[in-house]
Amino acid sequence: MCLAVPLKITEIYGKEAIAESMGMKRKIRVDFIENPQVGEYVIVHAGFAIERLSEKQAEEDLESWKELDDALRTDDSALTAEK
């Protein structure tokens, strides 16, 4: 299963860009985004930016990702403590 992740474009080099989110930087392709701009949020799937996001929507999505990550870490800690 693959998931699409919201990332913020920080650098652009032709059809390639650097984007980041939650401390992670990735090289992505921006072939499918017309006139991509530094500072824009995009949904990235399989290394390709496939859709623009508003900053508000990106922040909401990233908060959901953080909540999920925190919940999984809490569950892992509880399992480790039980052993």
C-alpha atoms as a PDB file:
ATOM      1  CA  MET A   1       0.000   0.000   0.000  1.00  0.00           C
ATOM      2  CA  CYS A   2       1.277   3.471  -0.856  1.00  0.00           C
ATOM      3  CA  LEU A   3       0.187   6.687   0.806  1.00  0.00           C
ATOM      4  CA  ALA A   4       0.295  10.211  -0.570  1.00  0.00           C
ATOM      5  CA  VAL A   5       2.075  12.662   1.719  1.00  0.00           C
ATOM      6  CA  PRO A   6       1.814  16.474   1.865  1.00  0.00           C
ATOM      7  CA  LEU A   7       5.199  18.175   1.394  1.00  0.00           C
ATOM      8  CA  LYS A   8       6.290  21.818   1.060  1.00  0.00           C
ATOM      9  CA  ILE A   9       8.444  22.673  -1.962  1.00  0.00           C
ATOM     10  CA  THR A  10      11.696  24.326  -0.832  1.00  0.00           C
ATOM     11  CA  GLU A  11      13.788  24.239  -4.035  1.00  0.00           C
ATOM     12  CA  ILE A  12      13.028  23.714  -7.736  1.00  0.00           C
ATOM     13  CA  TYR A  13      15.408  22.558 -10.480  1.00  0.00           C
ATOM     14  CA  GLY A  14      13.443  22.199 -13.710  1.00  0.00           C
ATOM     15  CA  LYS A  15      11.131  19.198 -13.278  1.00  0.00           C
ATOM     16  CA  GLU A  16      12.798  18.137 -10.014  1.00  0.00           C
ATOM     17  CA  ALA A  17      12.350  19.746  -6.617  1.00  0.00           C
ATOM     18  CA  ILE A  18      13.278  19.338  -2.992  1.00  0.00           C
ATOM     19  CA  ALA A  19      10.315  19.194  -0.639  1.00  0.00           C
ATOM     20  CA  GLU A  20      10.074  18.704   3.102  1.00  0.00           C
ATOM     21  CA  SER A  21       7.728  17.846   5.893  1.00  0.00           C
ATOM     22  CA  MET A  22       8.092  16.818   9.536  1.00  0.00           C
ATOM     23  CA  GLY A  23      11.886  17.064   9.333  1.00  0.00           C
ATOM     24  CA  MET A  24      12.134  14.872   6.238  1.00  0.00           C
ATOM     25  CA  LYS A  25      13.481  16.136   2.894  1.00  0.00           C
ATOM     26  CA  ARG A  26      12.856  14.351  -0.397  1.00  0.00           C
ATOM     27  CA  LYS A  27      13.718  14.838  -4.019  1.00  0.00           C
ATOM     28  CA  ILE A  28      10.462  14.831  -5.986  1.00  0.00           C
ATOM     29  CA  ARG A  29       9.294  15.306  -9.566  1.00  0.00           C
ATOM     30  CA  VAL A  30       6.919  18.156 -10.381  1.00  0.00           C
ATOM     31  CA  ASP A  31       5.975  17.125 -13.939  1.00  0.00           C
ATOM     32  CA  PHE A  32       2.243  17.066 -13.129  1.00  0.00           C
ATOM     33  CA  ILE A  33       2.098  20.477 -11.406  1.00  0.00           C
ATOM     34  CA  GLU A  34       1.743  23.477 -13.687  1.00  0.00           C
ATOM     35  CA  ASN A  35       4.191  26.248 -12.734  1.00  0.00           C
ATOM     36  CA  PRO A  36       5.249  24.884  -9.312  1.00  0.00           C
ATOM     37  CA  GLN A  37       6.476  27.489  -6.815  1.00  0.00           C
ATOM     38  CA  VAL A  38       8.779  27.381  -3.804  1.00  0.00           C
ATOM     39  CA  GLY A  39       6.634  27.535  -0.662  1.00  0.00           C
ATOM     40  CA  GLU A  40       3.679  25.631  -2.130  1.00  0.00           C
ATOM     41  CA  TYR A  41       2.367  22.463  -0.551  1.00  0.00           C
ATOM     42  CA  VAL A  42       1.801  19.452  -2.771  1.00  0.00           C
ATOM     43  CA  ILE A  43       0.597  15.896  -2.320  1.00  0.00           C
ATOM     44  CA  VAL A  44       3.399  13.510  -3.257  1.00  0.00           C
ATOM     45  CA  HIS A  45       2.777   9.924  -4.337  1.00  0.00           C
ATOM     46  CA  ALA A  46       5.532   7.591  -5.539  1.00  0.00           C
ATOM     47  CA  GLY A  47       7.934  10.531  -5.779  1.00  0.00           C
ATOM     48  CA  PHE A  48       5.659  12.706  -7.945  1.00  0.00           C
ATOM     49  CA  ALA A  49       3.791  15.835  -6.864  1.00  0.00           C
ATOM     50  CA  ILE A  50       0.262  15.068  -8.017  1.00  0.00           C
ATOM     51  CA  GLU A  51      -1.810  17.926  -6.607  1.00  0.00           C
ATOM     52  CA  ARG A  52      -1.461  21.318  -4.929  1.00  0.00           C
ATOM     53  CA  LEU A  53      -2.769  21.817  -1.401  1.00  0.00           C
ATOM     54  CA  SER A  54      -3.691  24.962   0.445  1.00  0.00           C
ATOM     55  CA  GLU A  55      -1.459  25.689   3.416  1.00  0.00           C
ATOM     56  CA  LYS A  56      -4.442  25.185   5.733  1.00  0.00           C
ATOM     57  CA  GLN A  57      -5.256  21.755   4.292  1.00  0.00           C
ATOM     58  CA  ALA A  58      -1.588  20.711   4.367  1.00  0.00           C
ATOM     59  CA  GLU A  59      -1.273  21.707   8.031  1.00  0.00           C
ATOM     60  CA  GLU A  60      -4.449  19.785   8.913  1.00  0.00           C
ATOM     61  CA  ASP A  61      -3.197  16.711   7.050  1.00  0.00           C
ATOM     62  CA  LEU A  62       0.232  16.915   8.681  1.00  0.00           C
ATOM     63  CA  GLU A  63      -1.358  17.219  12.120  1.00  0.00           C
ATOM     64  CA  SER A  64      -3.305  14.017  11.396  1.00  0.00           C
ATOM     65  CA  TRP A  65      -0.063  12.275  10.370  1.00  0.00           C
ATOM     66  CA  LYS A  66       1.574  13.460  13.613  1.00  0.00           C
ATOM     67  CA  GLU A  67      -1.345  12.187  15.709  1.00  0.00           C
ATOM     68  CA  LEU A  68      -1.124   8.800  13.997  1.00  0.00           C
ATOM     69  CA  ASP A  69       2.644   8.638  14.521  1.00  0.00           C
ATOM     70  CA  ASP A  70       2.251   9.572  18.204  1.00  0.00           C
ATOM     71  CA  ALA A  71      -0.447   6.920  18.678  1.00  0.00           C
ATOM     72  CA  LEU A  72       1.688   4.232  17.059  1.00  0.00           C
ATOM     73  CA  ARG A  73       4.691   5.175  19.200  1.00  0.00           C
ATOM     74  CA  THR A  74       2.525   5.032  22.338  1.00  0.00           C
ATOM     75  CA  ASP A  75       1.224   1.571  21.363  1.00  0.00           C
ATOM     76  CA  ASP A  76       4.783   0.350  20.696  1.00  0.00           C
ATOM     77  CA  SER A  77       5.924   1.635  24.093  1.00  0.00           C
ATOM     78  CA  ALA A  78       3.044  -0.132  25.841  1.00  0.00           C
ATOM     79  CA  LEU A  79       3.884  -3.431  24.109  1.00  0.00           C
ATOM     80  CA  THR A  80       7.555  -3.125  25.038  1.00  0.00           C
ATOM     81  CA  ALA A  81       6.704  -2.341  28.675  1.00  0.00           C
ATOM     82  CA  GLU A  82       4.495  -5.438  28.944  1.00  0.00           C
ATOM     83  CA  LYS A  83       7.303  -7.835  27.980  1.00  0.00           C
END
